[in-house]
Amino acid sequence: MSNPVYLALDVPQIEPAKALINKVKAHIGGVKLGLEFFCAHGGHGVHEIAHLGLPIFLDLKFHDIPNTVASAMMAIHVYEPKIVTIHASGGRAMMEDAKAAAAEGCKVVAVTTLTSMDEADLAATGVGGSAEDQVMRLAELAHASGLDGIVCSGREVGKVHKQWKDGYFVVPGLRPAGSGAGDQKRVVTPRKARDDGASVLVIGRPISRADDPEAAARAIEATL
């Protein structure tokens, strides 16, 4: 991948979204479409963005019984996504079935621990240990389940990469040096994440909400 940056498209309307992508497309490697965008615009919206010529990452975080997730994976073949997310906490059978049902060439990656969560948040859900402990446990399970990789924060990607040399690692919650963390709790810079083994750098607000999105995207690209 020549440019590992995927723009997290947190713009809810299609036309502003397309205008934003056209401004920054020379400085990013793909577009991540999440639940807000997909629920608002469905398949039509995905096709509208895909027509702009960049790879599509469908961040839908499937988490259900194995048969339902496998059926959902087959249903999204028509969008030709390059990356799709599922939740590692869905278990081995769910992950195996999701990978088996994915289209050829589509990377299936498992969300481990959301970057908005820390140890206190995990403890409140009954998960013991540190966020890193949970990421490592679920990364091992995802690897054993035959997935392509995982989603984790930049704070854990280096350790996971040491254990899973050929894994495909998606890192969200990134913030360029000097920018605010917002609602993210485990953040690093794009350069740090890349150096530690990240395959894909997911960046949203530092680009989409910048006064000059093109300049912001160009500046991030320059650090890589």
C-alpha atoms as a PDB file:
ATOM      1  CA  MET A   1       0.000   0.000   0.000  1.00  0.00           C
ATOM      2  CA  SER A   2       1.556   3.269  -1.076  1.00  0.00           C
ATOM      3  CA  ASN A   3      -0.486   5.366   1.351  1.00  0.00           C
ATOM      4  CA  PRO A   4      -1.796   3.654   4.523  1.00  0.00           C
ATOM      5  CA  VAL A   5      -4.152   6.500   5.511  1.00  0.00           C
ATOM      6  CA  TYR A   6      -7.866   5.744   5.322  1.00  0.00           C
ATOM      7  CA  LEU A   7     -10.098   8.752   5.870  1.00  0.00           C
ATOM      8  CA  ALA A   8     -12.832   8.033   8.409  1.00  0.00           C
ATOM      9  CA  LEU A   9     -15.772   9.649   6.707  1.00  0.00           C
ATOM     10  CA  ASP A  10     -17.704  11.164   9.593  1.00  0.00           C
ATOM     11  CA  VAL A  11     -19.681  13.504   7.337  1.00  0.00           C
ATOM     12  CA  PRO A  12     -23.347  12.365   7.344  1.00  0.00           C
ATOM     13  CA  GLN A  13     -24.420  13.900   4.010  1.00  0.00           C
ATOM     14  CA  ILE A  14     -23.266  12.418   0.703  1.00  0.00           C
ATOM     15  CA  GLU A  15     -22.470  15.557  -1.263  1.00  0.00           C
ATOM     16  CA  PRO A  16     -20.270  17.138   1.460  1.00  0.00           C
ATOM     17  CA  ALA A  17     -18.638  13.723   1.872  1.00  0.00           C
ATOM     18  CA  LYS A  18     -17.823  13.522  -1.828  1.00  0.00           C
ATOM     19  CA  ALA A  19     -16.533  17.091  -1.823  1.00  0.00           C
ATOM     20  CA  LEU A  20     -14.254  16.305   1.113  1.00  0.00           C
ATOM     21  CA  ILE A  21     -12.845  13.199  -0.555  1.00  0.00           C
ATOM     22  CA  ASN A  22     -12.170  15.074  -3.777  1.00  0.00           C
ATOM     23  CA  LYS A  23     -10.200  17.650  -1.801  1.00  0.00           C
ATOM     24  CA  VAL A  24      -7.961  15.120  -0.067  1.00  0.00           C
ATOM     25  CA  LYS A  25      -7.905  12.056  -2.352  1.00  0.00           C
ATOM     26  CA  ALA A  26      -4.352  12.719  -3.521  1.00  0.00           C
ATOM     27  CA  HIS A  27      -3.142  12.384   0.079  1.00  0.00           C
ATOM     28  CA  ILE A  28      -5.067   9.337   1.349  1.00  0.00           C
ATOM     29  CA  GLY A  29      -5.135   5.655   0.443  1.00  0.00           C
ATOM     30  CA  GLY A  30      -8.806   4.849   1.010  1.00  0.00           C
ATOM     31  CA  VAL A  31     -12.073   5.724   2.724  1.00  0.00           C
ATOM     32  CA  LYS A  32     -13.578   4.193   5.856  1.00  0.00           C
ATOM     33  CA  LEU A  33     -17.371   4.147   6.000  1.00  0.00           C
ATOM     34  CA  GLY A  34     -18.841   3.441   9.415  1.00  0.00           C
ATOM     35  CA  LEU A  35     -22.230   2.856  10.951  1.00  0.00           C
ATOM     36  CA  GLU A  36     -23.432   6.449  10.794  1.00  0.00           C
ATOM     37  CA  PHE A  37     -22.818   6.716   7.064  1.00  0.00           C
ATOM     38  CA  PHE A  38     -24.073   3.216   6.252  1.00  0.00           C
ATOM     39  CA  CYS A  39     -27.280   3.570   8.275  1.00  0.00           C
ATOM     40  CA  ALA A  40     -27.999   6.939   6.696  1.00  0.00           C
ATOM     41  CA  HIS A  41     -27.264   6.041   3.076  1.00  0.00           C
ATOM     42  CA  GLY A  42     -27.014   2.251   2.722  1.00  0.00           C
ATOM     43  CA  GLY A  43     -25.742   0.677  -0.462  1.00  0.00           C
ATOM     44  CA  HIS A  44     -26.460   3.739  -2.565  1.00  0.00           C
ATOM     45  CA  GLY A  45     -24.101   5.803  -0.419  1.00  0.00           C
ATOM     46  CA  VAL A  46     -21.363   3.180  -0.581  1.00  0.00           C
ATOM     47  CA  HIS A  47     -21.579   3.078  -4.376  1.00  0.00           C
ATOM     48  CA  GLU A  48     -21.531   6.883  -4.569  1.00  0.00           C
ATOM     49  CA  ILE A  49     -18.283   6.993  -2.592  1.00  0.00           C
ATOM     50  CA  ALA A  50     -16.776   4.019  -4.438  1.00  0.00           C
ATOM     51  CA  HIS A  51     -17.260   5.840  -7.753  1.00  0.00           C
ATOM     52  CA  LEU A  52     -14.599   8.315  -6.609  1.00  0.00           C
ATOM     53  CA  GLY A  53     -12.010   5.612  -7.170  1.00  0.00           C
ATOM     54  CA  LEU A  54     -10.591   4.913  -3.706  1.00  0.00           C
ATOM     55  CA  PRO A  55     -10.647   1.577  -1.835  1.00  0.00           C
ATOM     56  CA  ILE A  56     -13.564   1.190   0.577  1.00  0.00           C
ATOM     57  CA  PHE A  57     -13.274   0.014   4.190  1.00  0.00           C
ATOM     58  CA  LEU A  58     -16.669  -0.980   5.609  1.00  0.00           C
ATOM     59  CA  ASP A  59     -16.384  -0.544   9.361  1.00  0.00           C
ATOM     60  CA  LEU A  60     -19.643  -2.266  10.321  1.00  0.00           C
ATOM     61  CA  LYS A  61     -18.315  -4.263  13.296  1.00  0.00           C
ATOM     62  CA  PHE A  62     -20.506  -7.321  12.805  1.00  0.00           C
ATOM     63  CA  HIS A  63     -21.243  -9.144  16.079  1.00  0.00           C
ATOM     64  CA  ASP A  64     -23.971 -11.794  16.087  1.00  0.00           C
ATOM     65  CA  ILE A  65     -24.408 -15.551  15.862  1.00  0.00           C
ATOM     66  CA  PRO A  66     -22.113 -17.173  13.260  1.00  0.00           C
ATOM     67  CA  ASN A  67     -24.812 -17.824  10.661  1.00  0.00           C
ATOM     68  CA  THR A  68     -26.094 -14.243  10.786  1.00  0.00           C
ATOM     69  CA  VAL A  69     -22.622 -12.749  10.462  1.00  0.00           C
ATOM     70  CA  ALA A  70     -21.750 -15.071   7.567  1.00  0.00           C
ATOM     71  CA  SER A  71     -24.954 -14.051   5.790  1.00  0.00           C
ATOM     72  CA  ALA A  72     -24.181 -10.380   6.365  1.00  0.00           C
ATOM     73  CA  MET A  73     -20.684 -10.865   4.940  1.00  0.00           C
ATOM     74  CA  MET A  74     -22.131 -12.392   1.789  1.00  0.00           C
ATOM     75  CA  ALA A  75     -24.680  -9.593   1.514  1.00  0.00           C
ATOM     76  CA  ILE A  76     -21.939  -6.948   1.313  1.00  0.00           C
ATOM     77  CA  HIS A  77     -20.011  -8.629  -1.518  1.00  0.00           C
ATOM     78  CA  VAL A  78     -21.802  -6.282  -3.909  1.00  0.00           C
ATOM     79  CA  TYR A  79     -19.984  -3.283  -2.398  1.00  0.00           C
ATOM     80  CA  GLU A  80     -16.542  -4.847  -3.067  1.00  0.00           C
ATOM     81  CA  PRO A  81     -14.978  -3.626   0.192  1.00  0.00           C
ATOM     82  CA  LYS A  82     -11.240  -4.010   0.685  1.00  0.00           C
ATOM     83  CA  ILE A  83     -11.587  -4.259   4.477  1.00  0.00           C
ATOM     84  CA  VAL A  84     -14.485  -5.292   6.748  1.00  0.00           C
ATOM     85  CA  THR A  85     -14.623  -5.332  10.550  1.00  0.00           C
ATOM     86  CA  ILE A  86     -16.200  -7.836  12.899  1.00  0.00           C
ATOM     87  CA  HIS A  87     -15.972  -8.046  16.706  1.00  0.00           C
ATOM     88  CA  ALA A  88     -13.416 -10.522  18.061  1.00  0.00           C
ATOM     89  CA  SER A  89     -15.591 -10.928  21.159  1.00  0.00           C
ATOM     90  CA  GLY A  90     -18.099 -12.759  18.937  1.00  0.00           C
ATOM     91  CA  GLY A  91     -15.918 -15.825  19.336  1.00  0.00           C
ATOM     92  CA  ARG A  92     -14.005 -18.258  17.182  1.00  0.00           C
ATOM     93  CA  ALA A  93     -16.930 -19.843  15.332  1.00  0.00           C
ATOM     94  CA  MET A  94     -18.281 -16.444  14.340  1.00  0.00           C
ATOM     95  CA  MET A  95     -14.880 -15.264  13.109  1.00  0.00           C
ATOM     96  CA  GLU A  96     -14.224 -18.453  11.147  1.00  0.00           C
ATOM     97  CA  ASP A  97     -17.600 -18.244   9.429  1.00  0.00           C
ATOM     98  CA  ALA A  98     -17.145 -14.540   8.673  1.00  0.00           C
ATOM     99  CA  LYS A  99     -13.809 -15.161   6.989  1.00  0.00           C
ATOM    100  CA  ALA A 100     -15.169 -18.123   5.029  1.00  0.00           C
ATOM    101  CA  ALA A 101     -18.051 -15.982   3.747  1.00  0.00           C
ATOM    102  CA  ALA A 102     -15.952 -12.944   2.819  1.00  0.00           C
ATOM    103  CA  ALA A 103     -15.292 -12.064  -0.795  1.00  0.00           C
ATOM    104  CA  GLU A 104     -11.934 -12.962  -2.277  1.00  0.00           C
ATOM    105  CA  GLY A 105      -9.412 -10.216  -1.635  1.00  0.00           C
ATOM    106  CA  CYS A 106     -11.365  -8.677   1.240  1.00  0.00           C
ATOM    107  CA  LYS A 107      -9.452  -8.319   4.491  1.00  0.00           C
ATOM    108  CA  VAL A 108     -11.496  -9.369   7.518  1.00  0.00           C
ATOM    109  CA  VAL A 109     -10.192  -7.780  10.700  1.00  0.00           C
ATOM    110  CA  ALA A 110     -11.441  -8.177  14.246  1.00  0.00           C
ATOM    111  CA  VAL A 111     -12.088  -5.289  16.596  1.00  0.00           C
ATOM    112  CA  THR A 112     -10.379  -6.046  19.904  1.00  0.00           C
ATOM    113  CA  THR A 113     -10.878  -3.145  22.336  1.00  0.00           C
ATOM    114  CA  LEU A 114     -12.397   0.141  21.189  1.00  0.00           C
ATOM    115  CA  THR A 115      -9.977   3.057  21.399  1.00  0.00           C
ATOM    116  CA  SER A 116     -12.578   4.979  23.414  1.00  0.00           C
ATOM    117  CA  MET A 117     -12.228   2.427  26.244  1.00  0.00           C
ATOM    118  CA  ASP A 118      -9.677   2.147  29.036  1.00  0.00           C
ATOM    119  CA  GLU A 119      -9.205  -0.269  31.963  1.00  0.00           C
ATOM    120  CA  ALA A 120     -12.051   1.278  33.981  1.00  0.00           C
ATOM    121  CA  ASP A 121     -14.438   0.873  31.061  1.00  0.00           C
ATOM    122  CA  LEU A 122     -13.393  -2.749  30.578  1.00  0.00           C
ATOM    123  CA  ALA A 123     -13.780  -3.505  34.281  1.00  0.00           C
ATOM    124  CA  ALA A 124     -17.316  -2.116  34.179  1.00  0.00           C
ATOM    125  CA  THR A 125     -18.149  -4.713  31.525  1.00  0.00           C
ATOM    126  CA  GLY A 126     -16.616  -7.557  33.535  1.00  0.00           C
ATOM    127  CA  VAL A 127     -13.294  -7.762  31.688  1.00  0.00           C
ATOM    128  CA  GLY A 128     -10.277  -7.997  33.984  1.00  0.00           C
ATOM    129  CA  GLY A 129      -6.749  -6.808  33.381  1.00  0.00           C
ATOM    130  CA  SER A 130      -5.451  -3.992  31.215  1.00  0.00           C
ATOM    131  CA  ALA A 131      -6.631  -2.906  27.791  1.00  0.00           C
ATOM    132  CA  GLU A 132      -3.403  -4.351  26.412  1.00  0.00           C
ATOM    133  CA  ASP A 133      -4.135  -7.724  28.039  1.00  0.00           C
ATOM    134  CA  GLN A 134      -7.544  -7.835  26.382  1.00  0.00           C
ATOM    135  CA  VAL A 135      -6.148  -6.829  23.001  1.00  0.00           C
ATOM    136  CA  MET A 136      -3.526  -9.570  23.172  1.00  0.00           C
ATOM    137  CA  ARG A 137      -6.077 -12.210  24.172  1.00  0.00           C
ATOM    138  CA  LEU A 138      -8.417 -11.328  21.339  1.00  0.00           C
ATOM    139  CA  ALA A 139      -5.583 -10.940  18.824  1.00  0.00           C
ATOM    140  CA  GLU A 140      -4.477 -14.494  19.583  1.00  0.00           C
ATOM    141  CA  LEU A 141      -8.049 -15.721  19.120  1.00  0.00           C
ATOM    142  CA  ALA A 142      -8.460 -13.826  15.846  1.00  0.00           C
ATOM    143  CA  HIS A 143      -5.194 -15.267  14.543  1.00  0.00           C
ATOM    144  CA  ALA A 144      -6.265 -18.798  15.490  1.00  0.00           C
ATOM    145  CA  SER A 145      -9.593 -18.184  13.755  1.00  0.00           C
ATOM    146  CA  GLY A 146      -7.899 -17.477  10.437  1.00  0.00           C
ATOM    147  CA  LEU A 147      -8.625 -13.769  10.173  1.00  0.00           C
ATOM    148  CA  ASP A 148      -6.345 -11.384   8.308  1.00  0.00           C
ATOM    149  CA  GLY A 149      -5.712  -9.165  11.298  1.00  0.00           C
ATOM    150  CA  ILE A 150      -7.200  -6.991  13.995  1.00  0.00           C
ATOM    151  CA  VAL A 151      -8.166  -3.469  14.923  1.00  0.00           C
ATOM    152  CA  CYS A 152      -6.321  -2.090  17.941  1.00  0.00           C
ATOM    153  CA  SER A 153      -4.947   1.175  19.229  1.00  0.00           C
ATOM    154  CA  GLY A 154      -1.471   2.424  18.425  1.00  0.00           C
ATOM    155  CA  ARG A 155      -0.426   1.637  21.966  1.00  0.00           C
ATOM    156  CA  GLU A 156      -0.845  -2.099  21.408  1.00  0.00           C
ATOM    157  CA  VAL A 157       0.023  -2.578  17.751  1.00  0.00           C
ATOM    158  CA  GLY A 158       3.764  -2.946  18.328  1.00  0.00           C
ATOM    159  CA  LYS A 159       3.340  -5.805  20.775  1.00  0.00           C
ATOM    160  CA  VAL A 160       0.744  -7.541  18.592  1.00  0.00           C
ATOM    161  CA  HIS A 161       2.994  -7.180  15.542  1.00  0.00           C
ATOM    162  CA  LYS A 162       5.828  -8.961  17.367  1.00  0.00           C
ATOM    163  CA  GLN A 163       3.553 -11.957  17.965  1.00  0.00           C
ATOM    164  CA  TRP A 164       1.784 -11.929  14.575  1.00  0.00           C
ATOM    165  CA  LYS A 165       4.419 -11.010  12.026  1.00  0.00           C
ATOM    166  CA  ASP A 166       2.259 -11.215   8.916  1.00  0.00           C
ATOM    167  CA  GLY A 167      -0.901  -9.777  10.485  1.00  0.00           C
ATOM    168  CA  TYR A 168      -2.880  -6.907   8.985  1.00  0.00           C
ATOM    169  CA  PHE A 169      -3.286  -4.230  11.615  1.00  0.00           C
ATOM    170  CA  VAL A 170      -5.810  -1.398  11.458  1.00  0.00           C
ATOM    171  CA  VAL A 171      -5.166   1.431  13.903  1.00  0.00           C
ATOM    172  CA  PRO A 172      -7.844   4.078  14.583  1.00  0.00           C
ATOM    173  CA  GLY A 173      -7.884   6.860  17.166  1.00  0.00           C
ATOM    174  CA  LEU A 174      -4.775   8.514  15.751  1.00  0.00           C
ATOM    175  CA  ARG A 175      -3.957  12.143  16.400  1.00  0.00           C
ATOM    176  CA  PRO A 176      -1.162  14.188  14.802  1.00  0.00           C
ATOM    177  CA  ALA A 177       1.274  15.771  17.242  1.00  0.00           C
ATOM    178  CA  GLY A 178      -0.289  18.757  18.970  1.00  0.00           C
ATOM    179  CA  SER A 179      -3.944  17.881  18.315  1.00  0.00           C
ATOM    180  CA  GLY A 180      -6.569  17.062  20.937  1.00  0.00           C
ATOM    181  CA  ALA A 181      -7.581  13.481  21.786  1.00  0.00           C
ATOM    182  CA  GLY A 182     -11.332  14.183  21.809  1.00  0.00           C
ATOM    183  CA  ASP A 183     -13.243  11.068  22.946  1.00  0.00           C
ATOM    184  CA  GLN A 184     -10.285   8.763  22.290  1.00  0.00           C
ATOM    185  CA  LYS A 185      -8.410   7.455  25.330  1.00  0.00           C
ATOM    186  CA  ARG A 186      -5.521   5.437  23.860  1.00  0.00           C
ATOM    187  CA  VAL A 187      -3.972   7.565  21.130  1.00  0.00           C
ATOM    188  CA  VAL A 188      -0.620   7.877  19.353  1.00  0.00           C
ATOM    189  CA  THR A 189       0.581   9.770  16.293  1.00  0.00           C
ATOM    190  CA  PRO A 190       0.211   8.272  12.794  1.00  0.00           C
ATOM    191  CA  ARG A 191       3.988   8.050  12.424  1.00  0.00           C
ATOM    192  CA  LYS A 192       4.363   6.137  15.697  1.00  0.00           C
ATOM    193  CA  ALA A 193       1.636   3.666  14.745  1.00  0.00           C
ATOM    194  CA  ARG A 194       3.169   3.088  11.319  1.00  0.00           C
ATOM    195  CA  ASP A 195       6.613   2.539  12.794  1.00  0.00           C
ATOM    196  CA  ASP A 196       5.181  -0.019  15.210  1.00  0.00           C
ATOM    197  CA  GLY A 197       3.621  -2.114  12.447  1.00  0.00           C
ATOM    198  CA  ALA A 198       0.251  -0.610  11.540  1.00  0.00           C
ATOM    199  CA  SER A 199      -0.956  -1.599   8.069  1.00  0.00           C
ATOM    200  CA  VAL A 200      -3.795   0.936   7.923  1.00  0.00           C
ATOM    201  CA  LEU A 201      -4.007   4.295   9.693  1.00  0.00           C
ATOM    202  CA  VAL A 202      -7.601   5.434  10.234  1.00  0.00           C
ATOM    203  CA  ILE A 203      -7.835   9.208  10.573  1.00  0.00           C
ATOM    204  CA  GLY A 204     -11.055  11.199  10.729  1.00  0.00           C
ATOM    205  CA  ARG A 205     -11.559  14.470  12.546  1.00  0.00           C
ATOM    206  CA  PRO A 206      -7.962  15.748  12.250  1.00  0.00           C
ATOM    207  CA  ILE A 207      -8.649  15.866   8.486  1.00  0.00           C
ATOM    208  CA  SER A 208     -12.415  16.203   8.073  1.00  0.00           C
ATOM    209  CA  ARG A 209     -12.816  18.957  10.646  1.00  0.00           C
ATOM    210  CA  ALA A 210      -9.653  20.865   9.831  1.00  0.00           C
ATOM    211  CA  ASP A 211      -9.973  24.409   8.511  1.00  0.00           C
ATOM    212  CA  ASP A 212      -8.098  23.187   5.435  1.00  0.00           C
ATOM    213  CA  PRO A 213      -8.643  19.413   5.042  1.00  0.00           C
ATOM    214  CA  GLU A 214      -6.284  19.131   2.085  1.00  0.00           C
ATOM    215  CA  ALA A 215      -3.440  20.811   3.968  1.00  0.00           C
ATOM    216  CA  ALA A 216      -4.120  18.632   7.015  1.00  0.00           C
ATOM    217  CA  ALA A 217      -4.070  15.425   4.938  1.00  0.00           C
ATOM    218  CA  ARG A 218      -0.927  16.536   3.138  1.00  0.00           C
ATOM    219  CA  ALA A 219       0.804  17.289   6.451  1.00  0.00           C
ATOM    220  CA  ILE A 220      -0.057  13.861   7.842  1.00  0.00           C
ATOM    221  CA  GLU A 221       1.118  12.158   4.653  1.00  0.00           C
ATOM    222  CA  ALA A 222       4.412  14.038   4.906  1.00  0.00           C
ATOM    223  CA  THR A 223       5.118  12.516   8.325  1.00  0.00           C
ATOM    224  CA  LEU A 224       4.903   9.002   6.898  1.00  0.00           C
END
